[in-house]
Amino acid sequence: MTNENHFSISKTVKAPLPRVPFSKIKESVLDNDYELSLVFIGDKLSRKLNRIYRGKDKPTNILSFPITKNSGEIFINLSRAKPFGPAYLFIHGLLHLKGMQHGRRMERTEEKFLKEFQVQ
């Protein structure tokens, strides 16, 4: 778990954490004062959260939840991250917390950050 720049990382699964500069990406996408919790989860918790908060009874790859204007949580399901990669999913979740919706603008912004941090 890290706590630099109002940012914490934890996991509920045994898999190793991906080697991604999560803290630097968070600083670049969100305000430095934004408090963020990133949690790596598996299918069981992903399905439960997706069912409770989105009404979909299946596991998903990422969930992001704004808590206040300056705080939020992102849950990444490592077992479902492979097609996109954890860096892409993290950036995707950050942009949702920033208020972006799916569409070409969001895709261009995701591509910009992936290129900036040289991650897939």
C-alpha atoms as a PDB file:
ATOM      1  CA  MET A   1       0.000   0.000   0.000  1.00  0.00           C
ATOM      2  CA  THR A   2       1.258   3.472  -0.849  1.00  0.00           C
ATOM      3  CA  ASN A   3       0.029   6.755   0.579  1.00  0.00           C
ATOM      4  CA  GLU A   4       1.933   9.296  -1.445  1.00  0.00           C
ATOM      5  CA  ASN A   5      -0.140  12.102  -2.932  1.00  0.00           C
ATOM      6  CA  HIS A   6      -3.435  10.976  -1.346  1.00  0.00           C
ATOM      7  CA  PHE A   7      -3.215   7.603  -3.074  1.00  0.00           C
ATOM      8  CA  SER A   8      -3.449   4.070  -1.732  1.00  0.00           C
ATOM      9  CA  ILE A   9      -3.150   0.710  -3.445  1.00  0.00           C
ATOM     10  CA  SER A  10      -4.378  -2.560  -1.969  1.00  0.00           C
ATOM     11  CA  LYS A  11      -5.457  -5.970  -3.186  1.00  0.00           C
ATOM     12  CA  THR A  12      -7.826  -8.739  -2.185  1.00  0.00           C
ATOM     13  CA  VAL A  13      -6.203 -11.327  -4.476  1.00  0.00           C
ATOM     14  CA  LYS A  14      -2.910 -13.222  -4.269  1.00  0.00           C
ATOM     15  CA  ALA A  15      -1.702 -12.142  -7.720  1.00  0.00           C
ATOM     16  CA  PRO A  16       1.302  -9.799  -7.791  1.00  0.00           C
ATOM     17  CA  LEU A  17       0.658  -6.121  -8.395  1.00  0.00           C
ATOM     18  CA  PRO A  18       1.208  -5.040 -11.994  1.00  0.00           C
ATOM     19  CA  ARG A  19       4.368  -3.028 -12.686  1.00  0.00           C
ATOM     20  CA  VAL A  20       2.675   0.214 -13.707  1.00  0.00           C
ATOM     21  CA  PRO A  21       3.506   3.750 -12.480  1.00  0.00           C
ATOM     22  CA  PHE A  22       0.040   4.120 -10.936  1.00  0.00           C
ATOM     23  CA  SER A  23       0.982   7.059  -8.696  1.00  0.00           C
ATOM     24  CA  LYS A  24       2.500   9.069 -11.563  1.00  0.00           C
ATOM     25  CA  ILE A  25      -0.470   8.360 -13.806  1.00  0.00           C
ATOM     26  CA  LYS A  26      -2.868   9.420 -11.046  1.00  0.00           C
ATOM     27  CA  GLU A  27      -0.951  12.678 -10.543  1.00  0.00           C
ATOM     28  CA  SER A  28      -1.065  13.409 -14.262  1.00  0.00           C
ATOM     29  CA  VAL A  29      -4.769  12.699 -14.756  1.00  0.00           C
ATOM     30  CA  LEU A  30      -6.275  13.992 -11.501  1.00  0.00           C
ATOM     31  CA  ASP A  31      -5.597  16.902  -9.196  1.00  0.00           C
ATOM     32  CA  ASN A  32      -2.827  16.157  -6.670  1.00  0.00           C
ATOM     33  CA  ASP A  33      -5.324  16.767  -3.866  1.00  0.00           C
ATOM     34  CA  TYR A  34      -7.672  14.085  -5.192  1.00  0.00           C
ATOM     35  CA  GLU A  35      -7.816  11.189  -2.719  1.00  0.00           C
ATOM     36  CA  LEU A  36      -7.848   7.875  -4.534  1.00  0.00           C
ATOM     37  CA  SER A  37      -8.010   4.269  -3.448  1.00  0.00           C
ATOM     38  CA  LEU A  38      -7.058   1.617  -6.014  1.00  0.00           C
ATOM     39  CA  VAL A  39      -8.026  -1.953  -5.164  1.00  0.00           C
ATOM     40  CA  PHE A  40      -7.149  -5.056  -7.168  1.00  0.00           C
ATOM     41  CA  ILE A  41      -9.905  -7.656  -6.885  1.00  0.00           C
ATOM     42  CA  GLY A  42     -11.020 -10.975  -8.332  1.00  0.00           C
ATOM     43  CA  ASP A  43     -14.182 -12.193 -10.018  1.00  0.00           C
ATOM     44  CA  LYS A  44     -16.192 -12.809  -6.844  1.00  0.00           C
ATOM     45  CA  LEU A  45     -15.927  -9.264  -5.457  1.00  0.00           C
ATOM     46  CA  SER A  46     -16.156  -7.765  -8.947  1.00  0.00           C
ATOM     47  CA  ARG A  47     -19.435  -9.586  -9.568  1.00  0.00           C
ATOM     48  CA  LYS A  48     -20.814  -8.563  -6.169  1.00  0.00           C
ATOM     49  CA  LEU A  49     -19.968  -4.870  -6.633  1.00  0.00           C
ATOM     50  CA  ASN A  50     -21.237  -4.885 -10.217  1.00  0.00           C
ATOM     51  CA  ARG A  51     -24.517  -6.453  -9.087  1.00  0.00           C
ATOM     52  CA  ILE A  52     -24.991  -4.024  -6.189  1.00  0.00           C
ATOM     53  CA  TYR A  53     -24.014  -0.789  -7.923  1.00  0.00           C
ATOM     54  CA  ARG A  54     -24.798  -1.417 -11.592  1.00  0.00           C
ATOM     55  CA  GLY A  55     -27.472  -4.107 -11.469  1.00  0.00           C
ATOM     56  CA  LYS A  56     -25.362  -6.459 -13.614  1.00  0.00           C
ATOM     57  CA  ASP A  57     -24.908  -9.961 -12.193  1.00  0.00           C
ATOM     58  CA  LYS A  58     -21.512 -10.682 -13.731  1.00  0.00           C
ATOM     59  CA  PRO A  59     -17.900  -9.814 -13.009  1.00  0.00           C
ATOM     60  CA  THR A  60     -16.408  -6.861 -14.856  1.00  0.00           C
ATOM     61  CA  ASN A  61     -12.866  -5.622 -15.456  1.00  0.00           C
ATOM     62  CA  ILE A  62     -13.112  -2.220 -13.752  1.00  0.00           C
ATOM     63  CA  LEU A  63     -15.402  -0.214 -11.539  1.00  0.00           C
ATOM     64  CA  SER A  64     -14.841   3.386 -10.550  1.00  0.00           C
ATOM     65  CA  PHE A  65     -16.787   5.207  -7.868  1.00  0.00           C
ATOM     66  CA  PRO A  66     -16.642   8.915  -7.139  1.00  0.00           C
ATOM     67  CA  ILE A  67     -17.126   9.465  -3.413  1.00  0.00           C
ATOM     68  CA  THR A  68     -16.863  13.251  -3.243  1.00  0.00           C
ATOM     69  CA  LYS A  69     -15.686  15.925  -5.669  1.00  0.00           C
ATOM     70  CA  ASN A  70     -12.093  15.214  -4.568  1.00  0.00           C
ATOM     71  CA  SER A  71     -12.117  11.505  -3.755  1.00  0.00           C
ATOM     72  CA  GLY A  72     -12.928   8.184  -5.322  1.00  0.00           C
ATOM     73  CA  GLU A  73     -12.199   4.478  -5.607  1.00  0.00           C
ATOM     74  CA  ILE A  74     -11.192   2.278  -8.504  1.00  0.00           C
ATOM     75  CA  PHE A  75     -11.521  -1.511  -8.452  1.00  0.00           C
ATOM     76  CA  ILE A  76      -9.619  -3.470 -11.118  1.00  0.00           C
ATOM     77  CA  ASN A  77     -10.341  -7.158 -11.599  1.00  0.00           C
ATOM     78  CA  LEU A  78      -6.922  -8.615 -12.427  1.00  0.00           C
ATOM     79  CA  SER A  79      -8.369 -11.824 -13.883  1.00  0.00           C
ATOM     80  CA  ARG A  80     -10.266  -9.762 -16.488  1.00  0.00           C
ATOM     81  CA  ALA A  81      -7.645  -7.066 -17.134  1.00  0.00           C
ATOM     82  CA  LYS A  82      -5.655  -8.955 -19.771  1.00  0.00           C
ATOM     83  CA  PRO A  83      -7.410  -7.847 -22.977  1.00  0.00           C
ATOM     84  CA  PHE A  84      -6.792  -4.187 -22.125  1.00  0.00           C
ATOM     85  CA  GLY A  85      -4.081  -4.219 -19.483  1.00  0.00           C
ATOM     86  CA  PRO A  86      -4.165  -2.739 -15.986  1.00  0.00           C
ATOM     87  CA  ALA A  87      -2.642   0.600 -17.081  1.00  0.00           C
ATOM     88  CA  TYR A  88      -5.357   1.191 -19.665  1.00  0.00           C
ATOM     89  CA  LEU A  89      -8.094   0.204 -17.212  1.00  0.00           C
ATOM     90  CA  PHE A  90      -6.629   2.492 -14.545  1.00  0.00           C
ATOM     91  CA  ILE A  91      -6.522   5.445 -16.948  1.00  0.00           C
ATOM     92  CA  HIS A  92     -10.066   4.619 -18.078  1.00  0.00           C
ATOM     93  CA  GLY A  93     -11.289   4.643 -14.470  1.00  0.00           C
ATOM     94  CA  LEU A  94      -9.456   7.894 -13.689  1.00  0.00           C
ATOM     95  CA  LEU A  95     -11.090   9.608 -16.647  1.00  0.00           C
ATOM     96  CA  HIS A  96     -14.516   8.464 -15.450  1.00  0.00           C
ATOM     97  CA  LEU A  97     -13.735   9.912 -12.016  1.00  0.00           C
ATOM     98  CA  LYS A  98     -12.803  13.124 -13.795  1.00  0.00           C
ATOM     99  CA  GLY A  99     -16.282  13.143 -15.343  1.00  0.00           C
ATOM    100  CA  MET A 100     -15.577  11.861 -18.849  1.00  0.00           C
ATOM    101  CA  GLN A 101     -18.058   9.624 -20.631  1.00  0.00           C
ATOM    102  CA  HIS A 102     -17.366   6.929 -23.229  1.00  0.00           C
ATOM    103  CA  GLY A 103     -16.708   8.289 -26.682  1.00  0.00           C
ATOM    104  CA  ARG A 104     -14.036   9.434 -29.084  1.00  0.00           C
ATOM    105  CA  ARG A 105     -12.795  12.232 -26.773  1.00  0.00           C
ATOM    106  CA  MET A 106     -12.237   9.732 -23.967  1.00  0.00           C
ATOM    107  CA  GLU A 107     -10.488   7.298 -26.326  1.00  0.00           C
ATOM    108  CA  ARG A 108      -8.100  10.010 -27.552  1.00  0.00           C
ATOM    109  CA  THR A 109      -7.324  11.009 -23.970  1.00  0.00           C
ATOM    110  CA  GLU A 110      -6.668   7.374 -22.992  1.00  0.00           C
ATOM    111  CA  GLU A 111      -4.307   7.005 -25.951  1.00  0.00           C
ATOM    112  CA  LYS A 112      -2.484  10.195 -24.942  1.00  0.00           C
ATOM    113  CA  PHE A 113      -1.824   8.936 -21.408  1.00  0.00           C
ATOM    114  CA  LEU A 114      -0.858   5.432 -22.563  1.00  0.00           C
ATOM    115  CA  LYS A 115       1.686   6.996 -24.904  1.00  0.00           C
ATOM    116  CA  GLU A 116       2.905   9.474 -22.244  1.00  0.00           C
ATOM    117  CA  PHE A 117       3.623   6.673 -19.771  1.00  0.00           C
ATOM    118  CA  GLN A 118       4.665   4.140 -22.418  1.00  0.00           C
ATOM    119  CA  VAL A 119       2.367   1.464 -21.042  1.00  0.00           C
ATOM    120  CA  GLN A 120       0.031  -0.952 -22.772  1.00  0.00           C
END
